[in-house]
Amino acid sequence: MIRWIKIPVFLACLVPLGLLAWKGFHGMLGANPIEVITHATGDWTMRFLLITLAITPLRKLLSIPSLIRFRRMFGLYAFFYGCLHFMTWLWLDKFFDWHEMVADVLKRKFITVGMFGFLLLIPLAVTSTAGWIRRLGGKNWQWLHRLIYISALAGVIHYIWLVKADLRKPLQYAAILAVLMMYRLVMWLAPALRSTKSTIVRPVDA
C-alpha cells in the first residue's frame, strides 16, 4: 500500500518544478526571472527540509509509524531543490565565473552560510541508502544525519540575511524549525526527567 502511495507523493514533489518550468516557457517569470527561480528553488529547499524534520514528530503524534518511509524521499527532494538553487546561482547568475563565485562566498555572509548549509546536505544525500546505513552502523548514521538540523538553521539564517527587509517568510520558517527542534529537545529530556522523578522518595505512610 505504502509503495503505491509513494508514487503520487513522488510526483507531487515535482509539481513546484513543473510550475516553474511552465511559467518560464510562457514568459510568466516577471522582469527578473533569475531572481524568481532563485527564490522559488530556495523556498522549496527550506520547505522540504522542514517537511523532512516534521516526519518524526508527526508519525509519533498521529500514531502513523509508516510515515517514516517518506522521510528519505523528502530529504532527497530537499537536496534536489537545493541543487537547483545552487545551479541557478552558479549558471544563470554567475555564468560559471569561479573567481567571482569564490569572492561572493568569502565576502557576502548570506552566501557563505547558504553554501555551508548546502554542503552539509551532500553527505546526507550520499549516505541516504540502506547500504550506507549498514556500512556506518545505525548510531553513526543517525549522528551524521543530525547535520540536517544545522543545515536547516543555516538555510533560515541565509534567508534572513538575504531579504533584510521583509522578514515574514524566513521568520515563518524559523518558527516552524523552532517548534520541531523544541519537540526533539523535549523527547531527549523526557527519559532523564522520568528517571529523576522515579528517584524521588515517597513519604512514608503515617
N, C-alpha and C. Protein backbone atom coordinates (compact mmCIF):
# COMPACT_ATOMS: atom_id res chain seq x y z
N MET A 1 0.83 -1.22 0.00
CA MET A 1 0.00 0.00 0.00
C MET A 1 0.86 1.26 0.00
N ILE A 2 1.87 1.28 0.91
CA ILE A 2 2.76 2.44 1.01
C ILE A 2 3.48 2.67 -0.31
N ARG A 3 3.87 1.56 -0.97
CA ARG A 3 4.59 1.68 -2.24
C ARG A 3 3.76 2.45 -3.26
N TRP A 4 2.45 2.19 -3.30
CA TRP A 4 1.61 2.87 -4.27
C TRP A 4 1.34 4.31 -3.87
N ILE A 5 1.31 4.59 -2.58
CA ILE A 5 1.13 5.97 -2.13
C ILE A 5 2.38 6.79 -2.46
N LYS A 6 3.54 6.14 -2.39
CA LYS A 6 4.79 6.84 -2.66
C LYS A 6 4.85 7.42 -4.07
N ILE A 7 4.24 6.73 -5.01
CA ILE A 7 4.30 7.19 -6.41
C ILE A 7 3.63 8.55 -6.59
N PRO A 8 2.36 8.74 -6.16
CA PRO A 8 1.76 10.09 -6.31
C PRO A 8 2.47 11.14 -5.46
N VAL A 9 2.99 10.74 -4.27
CA VAL A 9 3.72 11.70 -3.44
C VAL A 9 5.00 12.14 -4.16
N PHE A 10 5.69 11.18 -4.76
CA PHE A 10 6.91 11.47 -5.51
C PHE A 10 6.61 12.46 -6.65
N LEU A 11 5.53 12.21 -7.38
CA LEU A 11 5.17 13.09 -8.48
C LEU A 11 4.71 14.47 -7.99
N ALA A 12 4.02 14.49 -6.85
CA ALA A 12 3.57 15.76 -6.29
C ALA A 12 4.75 16.65 -5.92
N CYS A 13 5.84 16.02 -5.48
CA CYS A 13 7.04 16.79 -5.11
C CYS A 13 7.69 17.46 -6.31
N LEU A 14 7.36 16.99 -7.50
CA LEU A 14 7.90 17.59 -8.72
C LEU A 14 7.03 18.73 -9.26
N VAL A 15 5.85 18.89 -8.68
CA VAL A 15 4.92 19.92 -9.15
C VAL A 15 5.53 21.32 -9.10
N PRO A 16 6.22 21.72 -8.00
CA PRO A 16 6.82 23.06 -7.99
C PRO A 16 7.78 23.30 -9.14
N LEU A 17 8.58 22.30 -9.46
CA LEU A 17 9.49 22.43 -10.59
C LEU A 17 8.72 22.53 -11.90
N GLY A 18 7.67 21.72 -12.04
CA GLY A 18 6.86 21.76 -13.24
C GLY A 18 6.20 23.12 -13.44
N LEU A 19 5.67 23.70 -12.36
CA LEU A 19 5.03 25.01 -12.45
C LEU A 19 6.05 26.08 -12.82
N LEU A 20 7.25 25.97 -12.24
CA LEU A 20 8.30 26.94 -12.55
C LEU A 20 8.69 26.85 -14.03
N ALA A 21 8.83 25.62 -14.53
CA ALA A 21 9.17 25.42 -15.94
C ALA A 21 8.05 25.94 -16.84
N TRP A 22 6.79 25.69 -16.46
CA TRP A 22 5.65 26.15 -17.26
C TRP A 22 5.62 27.67 -17.33
N LYS A 23 5.85 28.32 -16.19
CA LYS A 23 5.86 29.79 -16.18
C LYS A 23 7.01 30.32 -17.03
N GLY A 24 8.17 29.65 -16.95
CA GLY A 24 9.30 30.09 -17.75
C GLY A 24 9.02 29.95 -19.24
N PHE A 25 8.42 28.84 -19.62
CA PHE A 25 8.11 28.58 -21.02
C PHE A 25 7.12 29.60 -21.57
N HIS A 26 6.21 30.08 -20.71
CA HIS A 26 5.18 31.03 -21.15
C HIS A 26 5.54 32.47 -20.80
N GLY A 27 6.79 32.71 -20.42
CA GLY A 27 7.23 34.07 -20.13
C GLY A 27 6.53 34.72 -18.96
N MET A 28 6.25 33.94 -17.92
CA MET A 28 5.49 34.46 -16.78
C MET A 28 6.36 34.59 -15.52
N LEU A 29 7.67 34.71 -15.69
CA LEU A 29 8.57 34.82 -14.54
C LEU A 29 8.90 36.27 -14.18
N GLY A 30 8.25 37.21 -14.84
CA GLY A 30 8.42 38.61 -14.49
C GLY A 30 9.66 39.23 -15.12
N ALA A 31 9.99 40.44 -14.62
CA ALA A 31 11.10 41.20 -15.18
C ALA A 31 12.46 40.62 -14.81
N ASN A 32 12.50 39.88 -13.70
CA ASN A 32 13.77 39.30 -13.25
C ASN A 32 13.59 37.80 -13.03
N PRO A 33 13.59 37.01 -14.09
CA PRO A 33 13.33 35.57 -13.96
C PRO A 33 14.36 34.84 -13.12
N ILE A 34 15.61 35.28 -13.16
CA ILE A 34 16.65 34.61 -12.36
C ILE A 34 16.34 34.73 -10.87
N GLU A 35 15.89 35.91 -10.47
CA GLU A 35 15.53 36.11 -9.06
C GLU A 35 14.34 35.25 -8.66
N VAL A 36 13.35 35.15 -9.55
CA VAL A 36 12.16 34.33 -9.28
C VAL A 36 12.56 32.86 -9.11
N ILE A 37 13.39 32.37 -10.02
CA ILE A 37 13.84 30.97 -9.95
C ILE A 37 14.65 30.73 -8.69
N THR A 38 15.54 31.69 -8.37
CA THR A 38 16.38 31.56 -7.18
C THR A 38 15.53 31.46 -5.92
N HIS A 39 14.56 32.36 -5.81
CA HIS A 39 13.71 32.36 -4.60
C HIS A 39 12.82 31.12 -4.54
N ALA A 40 12.28 30.70 -5.69
CA ALA A 40 11.39 29.54 -5.70
C ALA A 40 12.14 28.27 -5.29
N THR A 41 13.32 28.04 -5.88
CA THR A 41 14.07 26.84 -5.54
C THR A 41 14.57 26.89 -4.10
N GLY A 42 14.93 28.09 -3.63
CA GLY A 42 15.35 28.23 -2.23
C GLY A 42 14.22 27.95 -1.26
N ASP A 43 13.02 28.48 -1.60
CA ASP A 43 11.84 28.24 -0.75
C ASP A 43 11.54 26.75 -0.65
N TRP A 44 11.58 26.06 -1.79
CA TRP A 44 11.23 24.63 -1.75
C TRP A 44 12.32 23.79 -1.09
N THR A 45 13.54 24.26 -1.13
CA THR A 45 14.59 23.57 -0.35
C THR A 45 14.26 23.64 1.13
N MET A 46 13.91 24.85 1.61
CA MET A 46 13.56 25.00 3.01
C MET A 46 12.31 24.22 3.37
N ARG A 47 11.32 24.25 2.51
CA ARG A 47 10.06 23.54 2.81
C ARG A 47 10.28 22.04 2.93
N PHE A 48 11.08 21.49 2.03
CA PHE A 48 11.31 20.05 2.11
C PHE A 48 12.21 19.70 3.30
N LEU A 49 13.11 20.58 3.67
CA LEU A 49 13.88 20.33 4.89
C LEU A 49 12.95 20.27 6.10
N LEU A 50 12.03 21.21 6.19
CA LEU A 50 11.10 21.25 7.32
C LEU A 50 10.12 20.07 7.29
N ILE A 51 9.67 19.70 6.09
CA ILE A 51 8.80 18.53 5.97
C ILE A 51 9.54 17.29 6.44
N THR A 52 10.80 17.16 6.04
CA THR A 52 11.61 16.01 6.46
C THR A 52 11.72 15.96 7.98
N LEU A 53 11.99 17.11 8.59
CA LEU A 53 12.12 17.16 10.04
C LEU A 53 10.79 16.94 10.75
N ALA A 54 9.68 17.20 10.05
CA ALA A 54 8.36 17.04 10.67
C ALA A 54 7.90 15.58 10.68
N ILE A 55 8.53 14.74 9.89
CA ILE A 55 8.07 13.35 9.80
C ILE A 55 8.13 12.64 11.15
N THR A 56 9.23 12.77 11.86
CA THR A 56 9.38 12.06 13.15
C THR A 56 8.31 12.46 14.16
N PRO A 57 8.11 13.77 14.44
CA PRO A 57 7.04 14.10 15.39
C PRO A 57 5.65 13.73 14.90
N LEU A 58 5.40 13.87 13.60
CA LEU A 58 4.06 13.56 13.10
C LEU A 58 3.74 12.08 13.22
N ARG A 59 4.70 11.22 12.92
CA ARG A 59 4.42 9.78 12.98
C ARG A 59 4.17 9.33 14.41
N LYS A 60 4.76 10.03 15.38
CA LYS A 60 4.53 9.68 16.77
C LYS A 60 3.24 10.30 17.31
N LEU A 61 3.02 11.56 16.99
CA LEU A 61 1.83 12.24 17.49
C LEU A 61 0.55 11.70 16.85
N LEU A 62 0.63 11.31 15.57
CA LEU A 62 -0.53 10.80 14.86
C LEU A 62 -0.63 9.28 14.90
N SER A 63 0.38 8.65 15.52
CA SER A 63 0.43 7.18 15.59
C SER A 63 0.38 6.55 14.20
N ILE A 64 1.18 7.10 13.28
CA ILE A 64 1.29 6.56 11.92
C ILE A 64 2.76 6.24 11.66
N PRO A 65 3.25 5.12 12.18
CA PRO A 65 4.69 4.81 12.04
C PRO A 65 5.14 4.69 10.59
N SER A 66 4.23 4.36 9.67
CA SER A 66 4.62 4.18 8.27
C SER A 66 5.07 5.49 7.61
N LEU A 67 4.80 6.64 8.25
CA LEU A 67 5.24 7.91 7.70
C LEU A 67 6.77 7.96 7.55
N ILE A 68 7.47 7.18 8.37
CA ILE A 68 8.92 7.19 8.32
C ILE A 68 9.44 6.80 6.95
N ARG A 69 8.65 6.05 6.20
CA ARG A 69 9.08 5.60 4.88
C ARG A 69 9.14 6.74 3.86
N PHE A 70 8.57 7.88 4.20
CA PHE A 70 8.61 9.02 3.30
C PHE A 70 9.75 9.98 3.63
N ARG A 71 10.40 9.79 4.77
CA ARG A 71 11.40 10.76 5.21
C ARG A 71 12.57 10.87 4.25
N ARG A 72 13.07 9.72 3.78
CA ARG A 72 14.21 9.76 2.86
C ARG A 72 13.84 10.47 1.57
N MET A 73 12.63 10.21 1.05
CA MET A 73 12.18 10.87 -0.18
C MET A 73 12.17 12.39 -0.02
N PHE A 74 11.58 12.85 1.08
CA PHE A 74 11.51 14.30 1.29
C PHE A 74 12.90 14.90 1.49
N GLY A 75 13.76 14.17 2.19
CA GLY A 75 15.13 14.65 2.38
C GLY A 75 15.88 14.77 1.07
N LEU A 76 15.71 13.79 0.20
CA LEU A 76 16.37 13.84 -1.11
C LEU A 76 15.78 14.94 -1.98
N TYR A 77 14.49 15.22 -1.83
CA TYR A 77 13.91 16.34 -2.57
C TYR A 77 14.44 17.68 -2.05
N ALA A 78 14.71 17.77 -0.75
CA ALA A 78 15.34 18.98 -0.21
C ALA A 78 16.71 19.18 -0.88
N PHE A 79 17.46 18.10 -1.01
CA PHE A 79 18.76 18.18 -1.67
C PHE A 79 18.60 18.51 -3.15
N PHE A 80 17.60 17.92 -3.80
CA PHE A 80 17.35 18.17 -5.22
C PHE A 80 17.06 19.64 -5.48
N TYR A 81 16.14 20.22 -4.69
CA TYR A 81 15.83 21.63 -4.89
C TYR A 81 16.99 22.52 -4.44
N GLY A 82 17.77 22.05 -3.46
CA GLY A 82 18.98 22.77 -3.08
C GLY A 82 19.98 22.81 -4.22
N CYS A 83 20.10 21.70 -4.95
CA CYS A 83 20.98 21.66 -6.13
C CYS A 83 20.49 22.62 -7.21
N LEU A 84 19.17 22.67 -7.43
CA LEU A 84 18.62 23.60 -8.41
C LEU A 84 18.89 25.05 -7.99
N HIS A 85 18.76 25.31 -6.69
CA HIS A 85 19.02 26.64 -6.15
C HIS A 85 20.48 27.02 -6.38
N PHE A 86 21.38 26.09 -6.09
CA PHE A 86 22.80 26.32 -6.28
C PHE A 86 23.14 26.50 -7.76
N MET A 87 22.56 25.65 -8.62
CA MET A 87 22.85 25.72 -10.05
C MET A 87 22.32 27.02 -10.66
N THR A 88 21.21 27.54 -10.14
CA THR A 88 20.70 28.82 -10.63
C THR A 88 21.72 29.91 -10.38
N TRP A 89 22.29 29.91 -9.19
CA TRP A 89 23.33 30.89 -8.85
C TRP A 89 24.60 30.65 -9.66
N LEU A 90 25.01 29.39 -9.75
CA LEU A 90 26.25 29.03 -10.44
C LEU A 90 26.17 29.33 -11.94
N TRP A 91 25.06 28.98 -12.57
CA TRP A 91 24.94 29.03 -14.03
C TRP A 91 24.30 30.33 -14.50
N LEU A 92 23.07 30.60 -14.04
CA LEU A 92 22.33 31.74 -14.56
C LEU A 92 22.80 33.07 -14.01
N ASP A 93 23.29 33.06 -12.77
CA ASP A 93 23.70 34.31 -12.13
C ASP A 93 25.19 34.60 -12.36
N LYS A 94 26.03 33.58 -12.13
CA LYS A 94 27.47 33.80 -12.21
C LYS A 94 28.12 33.30 -13.50
N PHE A 95 27.39 32.58 -14.31
CA PHE A 95 27.91 32.06 -15.58
C PHE A 95 29.23 31.30 -15.39
N PHE A 96 29.30 30.52 -14.33
CA PHE A 96 30.46 29.67 -14.03
C PHE A 96 31.74 30.49 -13.87
N ASP A 97 31.58 31.74 -13.43
CA ASP A 97 32.76 32.57 -13.13
C ASP A 97 33.25 32.21 -11.74
N TRP A 98 34.19 31.26 -11.65
CA TRP A 98 34.63 30.72 -10.37
C TRP A 98 35.28 31.78 -9.49
N HIS A 99 36.01 32.70 -10.09
CA HIS A 99 36.66 33.75 -9.31
C HIS A 99 35.62 34.61 -8.60
N GLU A 100 34.59 35.02 -9.34
CA GLU A 100 33.53 35.84 -8.75
C GLU A 100 32.74 35.05 -7.71
N MET A 101 32.55 33.76 -7.97
CA MET A 101 31.80 32.92 -7.02
C MET A 101 32.53 32.82 -5.69
N VAL A 102 33.84 32.55 -5.76
CA VAL A 102 34.62 32.44 -4.53
C VAL A 102 34.61 33.77 -3.77
N ALA A 103 34.72 34.88 -4.52
CA ALA A 103 34.69 36.20 -3.89
C ALA A 103 33.36 36.43 -3.18
N ASP A 104 32.26 36.00 -3.82
CA ASP A 104 30.93 36.15 -3.22
C ASP A 104 30.81 35.34 -1.93
N VAL A 105 31.30 34.10 -1.98
CA VAL A 105 31.21 33.23 -0.81
C VAL A 105 32.00 33.82 0.36
N LEU A 106 33.15 34.41 0.06
CA LEU A 106 34.01 34.94 1.11
C LEU A 106 33.54 36.29 1.64
N LYS A 107 32.89 37.09 0.80
CA LYS A 107 32.57 38.46 1.19
C LYS A 107 31.12 38.67 1.61
N ARG A 108 30.21 37.87 1.07
CA ARG A 108 28.80 38.08 1.36
C ARG A 108 28.32 37.00 2.31
N LYS A 109 28.05 37.39 3.54
CA LYS A 109 27.81 36.41 4.60
C LYS A 109 26.58 35.54 4.35
N PHE A 110 25.55 36.08 3.67
CA PHE A 110 24.37 35.26 3.42
C PHE A 110 24.69 34.13 2.44
N ILE A 111 25.61 34.38 1.51
CA ILE A 111 26.03 33.32 0.59
C ILE A 111 26.93 32.32 1.32
N THR A 112 27.77 32.83 2.21
CA THR A 112 28.65 31.94 2.99
C THR A 112 27.86 30.92 3.78
N VAL A 113 26.86 31.40 4.53
CA VAL A 113 26.09 30.48 5.36
C VAL A 113 25.18 29.60 4.50
N GLY A 114 24.70 30.13 3.38
CA GLY A 114 23.89 29.31 2.48
C GLY A 114 24.70 28.18 1.86
N MET A 115 25.93 28.49 1.45
CA MET A 115 26.81 27.47 0.89
C MET A 115 27.14 26.41 1.95
N PHE A 116 27.36 26.85 3.17
CA PHE A 116 27.64 25.92 4.26
C PHE A 116 26.47 24.96 4.46
N GLY A 117 25.26 25.50 4.48
CA GLY A 117 24.08 24.65 4.66
C GLY A 117 23.91 23.67 3.52
N PHE A 118 24.19 24.11 2.29
CA PHE A 118 24.07 23.21 1.13
C PHE A 118 25.10 22.10 1.18
N LEU A 119 26.34 22.44 1.53
CA LEU A 119 27.40 21.43 1.59
C LEU A 119 27.09 20.36 2.63
N LEU A 120 26.41 20.74 3.71
CA LEU A 120 26.05 19.75 4.73
C LEU A 120 25.04 18.73 4.20
N LEU A 121 24.26 19.13 3.20
CA LEU A 121 23.27 18.21 2.64
C LEU A 121 23.91 17.12 1.78
N ILE A 122 25.10 17.38 1.25
CA ILE A 122 25.72 16.42 0.33
C ILE A 122 25.99 15.07 1.00
N PRO A 123 26.68 15.03 2.17
CA PRO A 123 26.89 13.71 2.79
C PRO A 123 25.59 13.04 3.21
N LEU A 124 24.56 13.83 3.51
CA LEU A 124 23.27 13.24 3.89
C LEU A 124 22.62 12.56 2.69
N ALA A 125 22.72 13.20 1.52
CA ALA A 125 22.15 12.60 0.31
C ALA A 125 22.93 11.35 -0.09
N VAL A 126 24.25 11.44 -0.01
CA VAL A 126 25.10 10.31 -0.42
C VAL A 126 24.86 9.09 0.47
N THR A 127 24.65 9.32 1.76
CA THR A 127 24.53 8.20 2.71
C THR A 127 23.07 7.87 3.04
N SER A 128 22.15 8.23 2.15
CA SER A 128 20.72 8.02 2.45
C SER A 128 20.26 6.60 2.16
N THR A 129 21.10 5.77 1.57
CA THR A 129 20.68 4.42 1.18
C THR A 129 20.82 3.43 2.34
N ALA A 130 20.13 2.30 2.21
CA ALA A 130 20.22 1.25 3.22
C ALA A 130 21.64 0.70 3.32
N GLY A 131 22.33 0.67 2.18
CA GLY A 131 23.71 0.19 2.18
C GLY A 131 24.61 1.04 3.06
N TRP A 132 24.44 2.34 3.00
CA TRP A 132 25.25 3.23 3.84
C TRP A 132 24.88 3.12 5.30
N ILE A 133 23.63 2.86 5.59
CA ILE A 133 23.23 2.65 6.99
C ILE A 133 23.96 1.44 7.55
N ARG A 134 24.08 0.38 6.75
CA ARG A 134 24.81 -0.82 7.20
C ARG A 134 26.31 -0.52 7.35
N ARG A 135 26.87 0.21 6.40
CA ARG A 135 28.30 0.50 6.46
C ARG A 135 28.67 1.35 7.67
N LEU A 136 27.86 2.37 7.91
CA LEU A 136 28.16 3.30 9.00
C LEU A 136 27.72 2.77 10.36
N GLY A 137 26.75 1.87 10.36
CA GLY A 137 26.16 1.44 11.63
C GLY A 137 25.05 2.41 12.00
N GLY A 138 24.02 1.89 12.60
CA GLY A 138 22.84 2.71 12.90
C GLY A 138 23.13 3.98 13.67
N LYS A 139 23.94 3.86 14.76
CA LYS A 139 24.20 5.03 15.62
C LYS A 139 25.00 6.08 14.88
N ASN A 140 26.06 5.66 14.18
CA ASN A 140 26.89 6.62 13.44
C ASN A 140 26.09 7.30 12.35
N TRP A 141 25.23 6.52 11.69
CA TRP A 141 24.39 7.09 10.64
C TRP A 141 23.44 8.13 11.21
N GLN A 142 22.86 7.84 12.36
CA GLN A 142 21.94 8.78 12.99
C GLN A 142 22.65 10.08 13.37
N TRP A 143 23.86 9.95 13.93
CA TRP A 143 24.61 11.14 14.30
C TRP A 143 24.95 11.98 13.07
N LEU A 144 25.36 11.32 11.99
CA LEU A 144 25.68 12.04 10.76
C LEU A 144 24.46 12.79 10.24
N HIS A 145 23.32 12.14 10.26
CA HIS A 145 22.12 12.74 9.67
C HIS A 145 21.49 13.80 10.56
N ARG A 146 22.04 14.01 11.73
CA ARG A 146 21.61 15.15 12.53
C ARG A 146 22.19 16.46 12.00
N LEU A 147 23.06 16.36 11.00
CA LEU A 147 23.53 17.56 10.32
C LEU A 147 22.39 18.31 9.65
N ILE A 148 21.27 17.63 9.44
CA ILE A 148 20.12 18.31 8.82
C ILE A 148 19.63 19.45 9.70
N TYR A 149 19.79 19.32 11.02
CA TYR A 149 19.38 20.40 11.91
C TYR A 149 20.20 21.66 11.62
N ILE A 150 21.50 21.47 11.48
CA ILE A 150 22.39 22.60 11.22
C ILE A 150 22.12 23.18 9.83
N SER A 151 21.88 22.29 8.86
CA SER A 151 21.60 22.74 7.50
C SER A 151 20.32 23.58 7.44
N ALA A 152 19.29 23.12 8.14
CA ALA A 152 18.02 23.87 8.17
C ALA A 152 18.21 25.23 8.84
N LEU A 153 18.97 25.25 9.94
CA LEU A 153 19.24 26.52 10.62
C LEU A 153 20.03 27.46 9.71
N ALA A 154 21.03 26.91 9.01
CA ALA A 154 21.80 27.72 8.07
C ALA A 154 20.91 28.27 6.96
N GLY A 155 19.94 27.47 6.51
CA GLY A 155 19.02 27.93 5.48
C GLY A 155 18.17 29.10 5.96
N VAL A 156 17.71 29.03 7.20
CA VAL A 156 16.91 30.12 7.77
C VAL A 156 17.75 31.39 7.88
N ILE A 157 18.97 31.25 8.39
CA ILE A 157 19.86 32.42 8.53
C ILE A 157 20.18 33.00 7.15
N HIS A 158 20.46 32.14 6.20
CA HIS A 158 20.72 32.56 4.82
C HIS A 158 19.57 33.41 4.28
N TYR A 159 18.37 32.97 4.53
CA TYR A 159 17.17 33.67 4.03
C TYR A 159 17.00 35.03 4.74
N ILE A 160 17.19 35.03 6.06
CA ILE A 160 17.04 36.27 6.83
C ILE A 160 18.05 37.31 6.38
N TRP A 161 19.30 36.90 6.23
CA TRP A 161 20.34 37.83 5.80
C TRP A 161 20.17 38.27 4.35
N LEU A 162 19.51 37.43 3.56
CA LEU A 162 19.29 37.77 2.15
C LEU A 162 18.24 38.86 2.01
N VAL A 163 17.07 38.69 2.65
CA VAL A 163 15.96 39.60 2.40
C VAL A 163 16.07 40.91 3.19
N LYS A 164 16.58 40.84 4.41
CA LYS A 164 16.85 42.02 5.26
C LYS A 164 15.57 42.78 5.65
N ALA A 165 14.71 43.12 4.69
CA ALA A 165 13.56 43.97 4.99
C ALA A 165 12.31 43.16 5.31
N ASP A 166 11.74 42.48 4.34
CA ASP A 166 10.51 41.72 4.54
C ASP A 166 10.88 40.34 5.10
N LEU A 167 10.81 40.23 6.41
CA LEU A 167 11.28 39.01 7.08
C LEU A 167 10.17 38.01 7.37
N ARG A 168 8.97 38.26 6.85
CA ARG A 168 7.84 37.40 7.23
C ARG A 168 8.07 35.93 6.88
N LYS A 169 8.47 35.66 5.64
CA LYS A 169 8.62 34.26 5.23
C LYS A 169 9.77 33.57 5.95
N PRO A 170 10.99 34.16 5.99
CA PRO A 170 12.06 33.47 6.73
C PRO A 170 11.75 33.29 8.21
N LEU A 171 11.03 34.23 8.81
CA LEU A 171 10.66 34.08 10.21
C LEU A 171 9.61 32.98 10.40
N GLN A 172 8.75 32.78 9.40
CA GLN A 172 7.82 31.65 9.46
C GLN A 172 8.58 30.33 9.45
N TYR A 173 9.58 30.24 8.58
CA TYR A 173 10.42 29.04 8.54
C TYR A 173 11.15 28.87 9.87
N ALA A 174 11.64 29.98 10.42
CA ALA A 174 12.36 29.92 11.69
C ALA A 174 11.45 29.43 12.81
N ALA A 175 10.21 29.89 12.82
CA ALA A 175 9.26 29.48 13.86
C ALA A 175 8.94 27.99 13.76
N ILE A 176 8.74 27.50 12.53
CA ILE A 176 8.45 26.07 12.34
C ILE A 176 9.65 25.24 12.77
N LEU A 177 10.85 25.68 12.39
CA LEU A 177 12.06 24.95 12.79
C LEU A 177 12.20 24.95 14.31
N ALA A 178 11.90 26.07 14.96
CA ALA A 178 12.00 26.14 16.41
C ALA A 178 11.04 25.16 17.09
N VAL A 179 9.82 25.06 16.57
CA VAL A 179 8.84 24.11 17.13
C VAL A 179 9.34 22.67 16.96
N LEU A 180 9.84 22.35 15.78
CA LEU A 180 10.33 20.99 15.52
C LEU A 180 11.53 20.64 16.40
N MET A 181 12.39 21.61 16.63
CA MET A 181 13.57 21.36 17.47
C MET A 181 13.17 21.31 18.95
N MET A 182 12.17 22.10 19.34
CA MET A 182 11.69 22.05 20.71
C MET A 182 11.09 20.68 21.02
N TYR A 183 10.35 20.14 20.07
CA TYR A 183 9.79 18.79 20.24
C TYR A 183 10.91 17.79 20.49
N ARG A 184 11.97 17.86 19.69
CA ARG A 184 13.08 16.92 19.86
C ARG A 184 13.77 17.11 21.20
N LEU A 185 13.91 18.36 21.62
CA LEU A 185 14.54 18.63 22.91
C LEU A 185 13.73 18.01 24.05
N VAL A 186 12.42 18.17 23.97
CA VAL A 186 11.54 17.59 24.99
C VAL A 186 11.66 16.07 25.00
N MET A 187 11.69 15.44 23.80
CA MET A 187 11.81 13.99 23.71
C MET A 187 13.15 13.50 24.24
N TRP A 188 14.21 14.26 24.00
CA TRP A 188 15.53 13.87 24.50
C TRP A 188 15.61 13.99 26.02
N LEU A 189 14.92 15.02 26.56
CA LEU A 189 14.98 15.25 28.01
C LEU A 189 13.99 14.39 28.78
N ALA A 190 12.96 13.90 28.12
CA ALA A 190 11.91 13.15 28.80
C ALA A 190 12.43 11.94 29.59
N PRO A 191 13.29 11.08 29.02
CA PRO A 191 13.78 9.93 29.81
C PRO A 191 14.51 10.35 31.08
N ALA A 192 15.32 11.41 30.96
CA ALA A 192 16.06 11.89 32.13
C ALA A 192 15.11 12.43 33.19
N LEU A 193 14.06 13.14 32.75
CA LEU A 193 13.09 13.69 33.69
C LEU A 193 12.31 12.57 34.37
N ARG A 194 11.94 11.53 33.59
CA ARG A 194 11.22 10.40 34.20
C ARG A 194 12.11 9.67 35.20
N SER A 195 13.39 9.54 34.86
CA SER A 195 14.33 8.87 35.76
C SER A 195 14.50 9.65 37.06
N THR A 196 14.59 10.97 36.93
CA THR A 196 14.74 11.82 38.12
C THR A 196 13.50 11.74 38.99
N LYS A 197 12.33 11.75 38.34
CA LYS A 197 11.07 11.69 39.07
C LYS A 197 10.93 10.37 39.82
N SER A 198 11.41 9.29 39.21
CA SER A 198 11.27 7.97 39.82
C SER A 198 12.17 7.80 41.04
N THR A 199 13.23 8.63 41.15
CA THR A 199 14.15 8.51 42.29
C THR A 199 13.69 9.30 43.52
N ILE A 200 12.64 10.10 43.32
CA ILE A 200 12.13 10.88 44.46
C ILE A 200 11.53 9.93 45.50
N VAL A 201 11.97 10.05 46.70
CA VAL A 201 11.50 9.15 47.75
C VAL A 201 10.10 9.56 48.18
N ARG A 202 9.19 8.59 48.16
CA ARG A 202 7.82 8.89 48.57
C ARG A 202 7.74 8.97 50.09
N PRO A 203 6.89 9.85 50.58
CA PRO A 203 6.76 9.94 52.03
C PRO A 203 6.21 8.66 52.63
N VAL A 204 6.72 8.30 53.76
CA VAL A 204 6.28 7.09 54.44
C VAL A 204 4.90 7.31 55.06
N ASP A 205 4.00 6.34 54.85
CA ASP A 205 2.66 6.49 55.43
C ASP A 205 2.75 6.53 56.94
N ALA A 206 1.94 7.39 57.52
CA ALA A 206 1.91 7.52 58.99
C ALA A 206 1.29 6.28 59.62
